[in-house]
Protein backbone atom coordinates (compact mmCIF):
# COMPACT_ATOMS: atom_id res chain seq x y z
CA MET A 1 9.70 41.10 7.24
CA GLY A 2 9.53 37.51 6.25
CA SER A 3 10.57 35.64 9.08
CA ASN A 4 10.73 31.73 9.12
CA THR A 5 7.44 30.38 11.05
CA THR A 6 8.85 26.39 10.92
CA THR A 7 8.93 25.08 14.71
CA ASP A 8 12.34 24.39 16.21
CA HIS A 9 12.17 23.73 20.19
CA ARG A 10 15.92 23.80 20.41
CA ALA A 11 17.11 27.29 22.50
CA GLU A 12 17.08 30.44 20.49
CA SER A 13 20.24 32.54 20.48
CA ARG A 14 20.73 36.43 20.05
CA ALA A 15 22.62 37.45 17.01
CA ILE A 16 23.13 41.40 16.13
CA VAL A 17 24.26 41.95 12.83
CA SER A 18 24.83 45.37 10.50
CA LEU A 19 24.47 45.64 7.31
CA GLY A 20 25.38 48.38 5.08
CA SER A 21 25.10 49.43 1.13
CA ASN A 22 26.44 51.90 -0.67
CA ILE A 23 24.82 51.28 -4.13
CA GLU A 24 21.39 52.32 -5.60
CA PRO A 25 18.87 51.02 -4.77
CA ARG A 26 20.38 50.45 -1.20
CA HIS A 27 17.07 49.98 0.96
CA ALA A 28 16.01 48.08 -1.49
CA HIS A 29 18.81 45.65 -1.20
CA LEU A 30 19.30 45.94 2.97
CA GLU A 31 15.58 45.01 3.24
CA GLY A 32 16.03 42.00 0.63
CA ALA A 33 19.27 41.15 3.15
CA LEU A 34 16.92 40.88 5.65
CA ARG A 35 14.54 38.69 4.79
CA ARG A 36 16.96 36.22 3.70
CA LEU A 37 18.59 36.36 7.08
CA SER A 38 14.87 35.95 8.59
CA ALA A 39 14.54 32.63 6.03
CA LEU A 40 17.03 30.33 7.60
CA PRO A 41 16.07 27.48 9.56
CA GLY A 42 15.12 28.22 12.85
CA THR A 43 15.66 32.04 12.62
CA ARG A 44 13.82 34.90 12.94
CA LEU A 45 13.95 39.21 12.50
CA VAL A 46 13.61 40.59 16.03
CA SER A 47 14.48 44.26 15.49
CA ALA A 48 16.48 46.83 12.91
CA SER A 49 16.66 50.37 13.40
CA SER A 50 17.93 52.74 10.72
CA VAL A 51 21.73 54.18 11.65
CA ILE A 52 22.89 57.25 9.84
CA GLU A 53 26.61 58.29 10.08
CA THR A 54 27.91 60.72 11.01
CA GLU A 55 30.59 61.43 9.07
CA PRO A 56 29.52 62.66 5.07
CA VAL A 57 27.83 59.92 2.58
CA ASP A 58 29.44 60.40 -0.31
CA VAL A 59 26.01 59.99 -2.81
CA PRO A 60 24.04 62.62 -4.58
CA GLU A 61 22.45 65.03 -2.14
CA GLU A 62 18.68 63.23 -2.14
CA PHE A 63 19.46 60.27 -0.91
CA ARG A 64 21.50 61.40 2.25
CA ASP A 65 18.58 61.35 4.37
CA MET A 66 16.90 57.40 3.02
CA ALA A 67 16.26 55.87 6.58
CA PHE A 68 18.10 52.60 5.31
CA LEU A 69 21.63 53.56 4.35
CA ASN A 70 23.08 51.24 7.61
CA LEU A 71 20.87 49.26 9.40
CA ALA A 72 21.57 47.71 13.20
CA ALA A 73 19.36 44.10 13.41
CA VAL A 74 19.62 41.94 15.94
CA PHE A 75 18.25 38.14 15.45
CA ALA A 76 16.79 34.79 16.99
CA THR A 77 18.46 32.29 16.13
CA THR A 78 18.33 28.28 16.80
CA LEU A 79 21.39 28.68 14.36
CA ASP A 80 24.89 27.93 16.02
CA ALA A 81 27.26 30.46 15.85
CA PHE A 82 29.12 28.90 13.29
CA GLY A 83 25.95 28.20 11.23
CA PHE A 84 24.76 31.35 11.27
CA SER A 85 27.48 33.26 10.07
CA ARG A 86 28.38 30.61 7.54
CA ALA A 87 24.44 31.15 6.08
CA MET A 88 24.95 35.21 6.90
CA HIS A 89 27.89 35.80 4.67
CA ARG A 90 26.89 33.38 1.94
CA ILE A 91 23.66 35.49 1.76
CA GLU A 92 26.49 38.45 1.67
CA ALA A 93 28.69 36.75 -1.34
CA GLU A 94 24.94 35.82 -3.15
CA MET A 95 23.95 39.42 -3.13
CA GLY A 96 26.96 40.60 -4.83
CA ARG A 97 29.60 42.36 -2.47
CA VAL A 98 31.81 43.90 -4.35
CA ARG A 99 35.21 44.49 -3.14
CA THR A 100 37.25 45.95 -5.96
CA VAL A 101 38.62 49.24 -4.25
CA ARG A 102 39.37 48.81 -0.40
CA ASN A 103 36.54 50.49 1.38
CA GLY A 104 34.59 51.15 -2.33
CA PRO A 105 30.87 50.61 -3.07
CA ARG A 106 29.18 47.27 -2.45
CA THR A 107 26.36 45.78 -3.46
CA ILE A 108 25.56 44.48 0.12
CA ASP A 109 27.57 44.24 3.40
CA ILE A 110 26.74 42.28 6.59
CA ASP A 111 28.74 41.68 9.74
CA LEU A 112 28.02 39.50 12.64
CA ILE A 113 28.76 41.81 15.63
CA ASP A 114 27.75 39.51 18.50
CA PHE A 115 26.35 36.47 19.49
CA ASP A 116 25.12 35.88 22.83
CA GLY A 117 27.47 38.55 24.36
CA LEU A 118 30.64 35.89 22.81
CA ARG A 119 33.43 36.57 21.69
CA VAL A 120 34.38 33.45 19.03
CA ASP A 121 38.56 33.39 17.73
CA THR A 122 36.98 33.34 14.09
CA PRO A 123 38.00 35.75 11.53
CA GLU A 124 33.58 35.93 11.66
CA LEU A 125 33.16 36.97 14.91
CA VAL A 126 35.59 39.50 16.71
CA LEU A 127 33.17 40.91 19.13
CA PRO A 128 32.54 44.08 18.76
CA HIS A 129 33.69 44.21 14.90
CA PRO A 130 36.44 46.31 14.25
CA ARG A 131 34.67 48.20 11.37
CA ALA A 132 32.34 48.98 13.93
CA LEU A 133 35.37 50.07 16.48
CA SER A 134 36.87 52.40 13.93
CA ARG A 135 33.04 54.09 12.33
CA ASP A 136 31.23 56.67 14.85
CA PHE A 137 27.79 56.41 14.84
CA VAL A 138 25.17 58.32 15.68
CA MET A 139 22.45 55.62 16.55
CA LYS A 140 19.75 53.56 19.09
CA PRO A 141 21.25 51.52 22.04
CA LEU A 142 20.54 48.00 21.48
CA ALA A 143 20.60 47.17 25.28
CA GLU A 144 17.02 47.93 24.94
CA LEU A 145 16.47 45.14 22.52
CA GLY A 146 17.95 43.39 25.47
CA VAL A 147 21.03 42.27 24.99
CA ALA A 148 24.84 43.94 25.48
CA THR A 149 26.66 45.71 23.35
CA GLY A 150 30.48 45.35 25.29
CA THR A 151 32.76 48.17 24.13
CA ALA A 152 31.38 49.14 20.58
CA PRO A 153 31.89 52.87 20.69
CA TYR A 154 28.26 53.56 19.03
CA GLY A 155 24.97 54.50 20.76
CA ILE A 156 21.61 54.88 18.97
CA ILE A 157 18.68 56.65 16.96
CA SER A 158 16.16 55.52 14.74
CA PRO A 159 13.38 56.80 12.69
CA MET A 160 11.59 53.68 12.79
CA LYS A 161 10.69 53.05 16.43
CA LYS A 162 9.54 55.59 19.38
CA LEU A 163 12.74 57.14 20.83
CA LYS A 164 12.18 55.88 25.12
CA LEU A 165 12.97 58.54 27.50
CA GLY A 166 14.01 58.41 31.01
CA VAL A 167 13.46 61.41 32.95
CA LEU A 168 15.42 62.31 36.22
CA GLY A 169 13.71 65.25 38.38
CA SER A 170 13.93 66.92 41.72
CA GLY A 171 11.37 69.97 41.55
CA SER A 172 7.93 70.30 40.33
CA GLY A 173 8.01 68.81 37.03
CA SER A 174 7.27 71.11 34.77
CA ASN A 175 9.19 70.43 31.80
CA MET A 176 9.08 67.21 32.33
CA GLN A 177 4.93 68.26 31.75
CA SER A 178 6.07 70.62 28.62
CA ILE A 179 7.46 67.05 26.88
CA VAL A 180 4.87 65.21 27.86
CA ASP A 181 1.97 67.72 26.74
CA ALA A 182 4.29 67.90 22.96
CA ILE A 183 3.58 63.67 22.78
CA ASP A 184 0.45 63.40 23.37
CA ALA A 185 0.10 66.54 20.42
CA GLY A 186 2.00 64.26 18.26
CA THR A 187 4.96 66.54 17.79
CA ILE A 188 7.93 64.67 19.48
CA ASP A 189 8.05 60.59 18.47
CA ALA A 190 9.45 59.19 21.78
CA GLU A 191 7.21 58.07 24.77
CA VAL A 192 8.46 59.33 28.44
CA ALA A 193 9.19 55.17 29.86
CA ILE A 194 10.28 55.96 33.56
CA VAL A 195 10.36 58.80 36.15
CA MET A 196 12.81 59.41 38.77
CA ALA A 197 13.12 61.61 41.28
CA ASP A 198 15.76 62.00 44.22
CA PHE A 199 13.26 63.02 46.81
CA PRO A 200 10.07 61.14 47.69
CA ASP A 201 7.75 64.07 47.54
CA ALA A 202 9.03 66.09 44.28
CA LYS A 203 5.48 66.96 42.85
CA ILE A 204 7.96 65.68 39.30
CA LEU A 205 5.85 62.04 40.57
CA ASP A 206 2.62 62.86 41.10
CA ARG A 207 2.41 64.21 37.49
CA ALA A 208 3.87 60.66 36.15
CA ARG A 209 1.74 58.95 38.04
CA ARG A 210 -1.74 61.39 37.01
CA HIS A 211 0.30 60.30 33.19
CA ASN A 212 0.14 57.00 34.17
CA ILE A 213 4.37 56.82 33.56
CA PRO A 214 6.30 54.67 35.51
CA CYS A 215 7.69 56.52 38.49
CA GLN A 216 10.04 55.76 41.74
CA TYR A 217 11.88 57.32 44.40
CA LEU A 218 15.48 57.00 44.08
CA ASP A 219 17.72 57.59 47.38
CA CYS A 220 21.03 59.13 45.93
CA SER A 221 21.83 59.20 50.67
CA PRO A 222 24.69 59.77 51.72
CA TRP A 223 25.12 62.48 48.68
CA LYS A 224 24.05 65.66 48.66
CA THR A 225 24.99 67.10 45.59
CA LYS A 226 25.95 64.10 43.27
CA LEU A 227 24.42 60.67 41.75
CA GLU A 228 27.50 58.51 42.35
CA GLY A 229 28.13 54.76 43.75
CA ARG A 230 24.82 52.63 45.03
CA ALA A 231 22.24 55.07 43.69
CA GLU A 232 24.39 55.43 40.74
CA ASP A 233 24.55 51.84 39.91
CA GLU A 234 20.04 51.64 40.77
CA CYS A 235 19.53 54.76 38.69
CA ILE A 236 21.35 53.08 35.28
CA ASP A 237 19.78 49.53 36.01
CA ILE A 238 16.48 51.07 36.33
CA LEU A 239 16.67 53.28 32.89
CA ARG A 240 18.40 49.92 30.66
CA LYS A 241 15.19 47.88 32.52
CA HIS A 242 12.71 50.16 30.53
CA GLY A 243 15.01 50.42 27.93
CA VAL A 244 15.21 53.89 27.74
CA ASP A 245 17.39 55.64 24.68
CA VAL A 246 17.73 59.24 26.26
CA VAL A 247 18.33 60.65 29.73
CA VAL A 248 16.11 63.77 30.36
CA LEU A 249 17.43 65.86 33.47
CA ALA A 250 14.30 68.17 34.13
CA GLY A 251 15.61 70.31 37.04
CA PHE A 252 17.55 67.17 38.99
CA MET A 253 19.86 68.73 41.06
CA ARG A 254 22.41 66.47 41.57
CA ILE A 255 25.69 66.53 39.53
CA VAL A 256 26.16 63.72 37.00
CA LYS A 257 29.40 61.35 37.12
CA PRO A 258 31.06 59.56 34.84
CA LYS A 259 29.62 55.79 35.26
CA LEU A 260 25.83 57.22 33.98
CA LEU A 261 27.47 59.35 31.32
CA ALA A 262 29.68 55.85 29.97
CA ALA A 263 26.73 54.20 30.08
CA PHE A 264 24.74 56.78 27.80
CA PRO A 265 27.08 58.23 25.65
CA ASN A 266 26.29 61.92 24.03
CA ARG A 267 22.61 60.41 25.24
CA VAL A 268 21.95 62.32 28.36
CA LEU A 269 20.66 65.98 27.92
CA ASN A 270 20.36 69.27 30.72
CA ILE A 271 18.41 72.24 30.31
CA HIS A 272 20.04 75.14 31.55
CA PRO A 273 18.20 78.69 32.53
CA ALA A 274 20.93 80.54 30.30
CA LEU A 275 22.52 81.21 26.90
CA LEU A 276 26.06 78.71 27.54
CA PRO A 277 28.27 79.33 28.20
CA ALA A 278 27.29 82.48 29.89
CA PHE A 279 26.16 82.18 33.34
CA PRO A 280 26.52 78.32 34.22
CA GLY A 281 25.70 76.70 37.85
CA VAL A 282 23.07 77.75 39.84
CA HIS A 283 20.44 81.12 39.84
CA SER A 284 22.02 82.20 36.78
CA TRP A 285 19.05 84.32 35.30
CA THR A 286 19.87 86.41 39.52
CA GLN A 287 23.80 86.43 37.83
CA ALA A 288 22.22 88.00 33.92
CA LEU A 289 21.06 90.67 36.32
CA ASP A 290 23.37 91.14 38.61
CA TYR A 291 25.72 91.21 35.71
CA GLY A 292 23.07 94.17 33.58
CA CYS A 293 22.71 91.72 30.33
CA LYS A 294 19.92 92.93 28.17
CA VAL A 295 19.50 89.45 27.04
CA ALA A 296 19.42 86.33 29.03
CA GLY A 297 17.84 83.05 27.73
CA VAL A 298 17.88 78.82 27.29
CA THR A 299 20.36 76.47 26.38
CA VAL A 300 19.35 72.43 25.82
CA HIS A 301 22.81 70.67 26.09
CA PHE A 302 24.16 67.36 26.11
CA VAL A 303 25.79 66.36 29.33
CA ASP A 304 29.22 66.13 28.91
CA ALA A 305 31.65 65.95 32.49
CA GLY A 306 31.87 69.37 32.71
CA THR A 307 29.58 71.89 34.32
CA ASP A 308 27.15 72.77 32.08
CA SER A 309 29.31 72.48 29.35
CA GLY A 310 27.98 70.02 26.68
CA PRO A 311 27.65 70.43 22.89
CA ILE A 312 23.93 73.11 22.73
CA ILE A 313 21.41 72.10 20.85
CA VAL A 314 18.68 74.33 21.11
CA GLN A 315 19.41 77.84 22.61
CA ARG A 316 16.58 80.54 22.44
CA ALA A 317 16.81 83.60 23.89
CA VAL A 318 14.63 86.33 26.09
CA PRO A 319 15.07 89.87 26.68
CA VAL A 320 15.55 91.46 30.01
CA LEU A 321 13.22 94.61 30.86
CA GLU A 322 14.36 97.94 32.70
CA ASP A 323 11.82 96.39 35.15
CA ASP A 324 13.18 93.07 35.58
CA THR A 325 12.67 90.86 39.32
CA PRO A 326 14.94 87.86 39.56
CA GLU A 327 11.38 86.17 40.02
CA THR A 328 9.87 87.88 36.73
CA LEU A 329 13.31 87.68 34.23
CA HIS A 330 12.94 83.20 35.60
CA ALA A 331 9.05 83.56 35.23
CA ARG A 332 9.60 84.19 31.39
CA ILE A 333 12.79 81.93 30.92
CA GLN A 334 10.66 79.02 31.73
CA VAL A 335 7.91 79.62 29.58
CA GLN A 336 10.94 79.27 26.96
CA GLU A 337 12.22 76.03 28.44
CA HIS A 338 9.26 74.72 27.78
CA GLU A 339 9.52 75.63 24.29
CA ALA A 340 13.01 74.97 24.14
CA TYR A 341 13.15 70.90 25.62
CA PRO A 342 10.72 69.59 23.31
CA GLU A 343 12.09 71.34 20.41
CA ALA A 344 15.67 69.54 21.25
CA LEU A 345 14.16 65.98 21.91
CA ARG A 346 12.19 66.13 18.31
CA ILE A 347 15.95 67.09 16.66
CA ILE A 348 17.20 64.06 18.84
CA ALA A 349 13.96 62.02 17.96
CA SER A 350 14.19 61.97 13.88
CA GLY A 351 18.03 60.90 14.04
CA LYS A 352 18.78 64.63 11.72
CA TYR A 353 22.06 65.74 13.31
CA ARG A 354 25.64 64.52 14.12
CA ILE A 355 27.66 65.95 16.56
CA GLU A 356 31.06 67.52 15.38
CA GLY A 357 33.22 68.87 18.86
CA ARG A 358 31.34 71.36 20.20
CA ARG A 359 28.97 71.81 17.35
CA VAL A 360 25.95 69.90 17.09
CA ARG A 361 24.94 69.79 13.15
CA ILE A 362 20.96 69.57 12.65
CA GLY A 363 19.56 68.77 9.59
């Protein structure tokens, strides 16, 4: 995208803009709007992420997966809030916004969501914008761009840039290794930005160091079984510092609490060695054997406030053999874990999914 190269020594402000178009060619309308906004005096485009609506869009099937249906863009500008907003709405009007029907088609729709984190009492600057509050978007977190989104209830997914993962673990890190191997093989468009462990000698930290991945010990005392209080705050700060999009629990033997889930809504994943909702909790492979199951398995799911109860992304079945012991069954389940977690992250990185209640619809 173009940017203004005029030298301007005034301090830059950060503007978050949402852009949308429902008229073909939508990608051309949105790219044109980005170019015109970038060409404003003292203004440059910092980042743009494609946005995928969870509600069906009333357009022909062949156009539904276009990358530029909607955009979230961040600009650095030396204009003040009023000047930027006025110029933005002029561009919107000149590009032919159509308002003949309420919520009907329009050539281009541009809204200023945030300006340096400030709420301004004008119709053009209500933060967060009411339209953002009323729509359920699946996006990539703008927090990674160094800006705050206030209480706007949207997170982020974008096929335009790599997904940044933050991994929390307690043990050997074999699931993290499978994710790193898949990234290195080019089958997941992602990177592991930070690894944290609640034991200073956890082997998952050694694995991270071997791959030159930033890592650190997270002191969770005085709690034995949960991530709460000071440690939870520190964990959130570290994840945000590293621009994490999705939090991956990889053998993390602590209960995560609402503050972390609120900081990364629908962006905390867990893997469980059972076909949920059967056998939540610990030693699920032993539970399956004791119950006489013929099939066990593994589940990758979003984390919610319950225990192993969030919406399911991927499941893989593992037959229970007649001579199985807890150890042999667990070993075969782990083989499938190392396939299932990368599979789930490929789905998340693609952005081609939506959450409808308890169901995760893919494609």
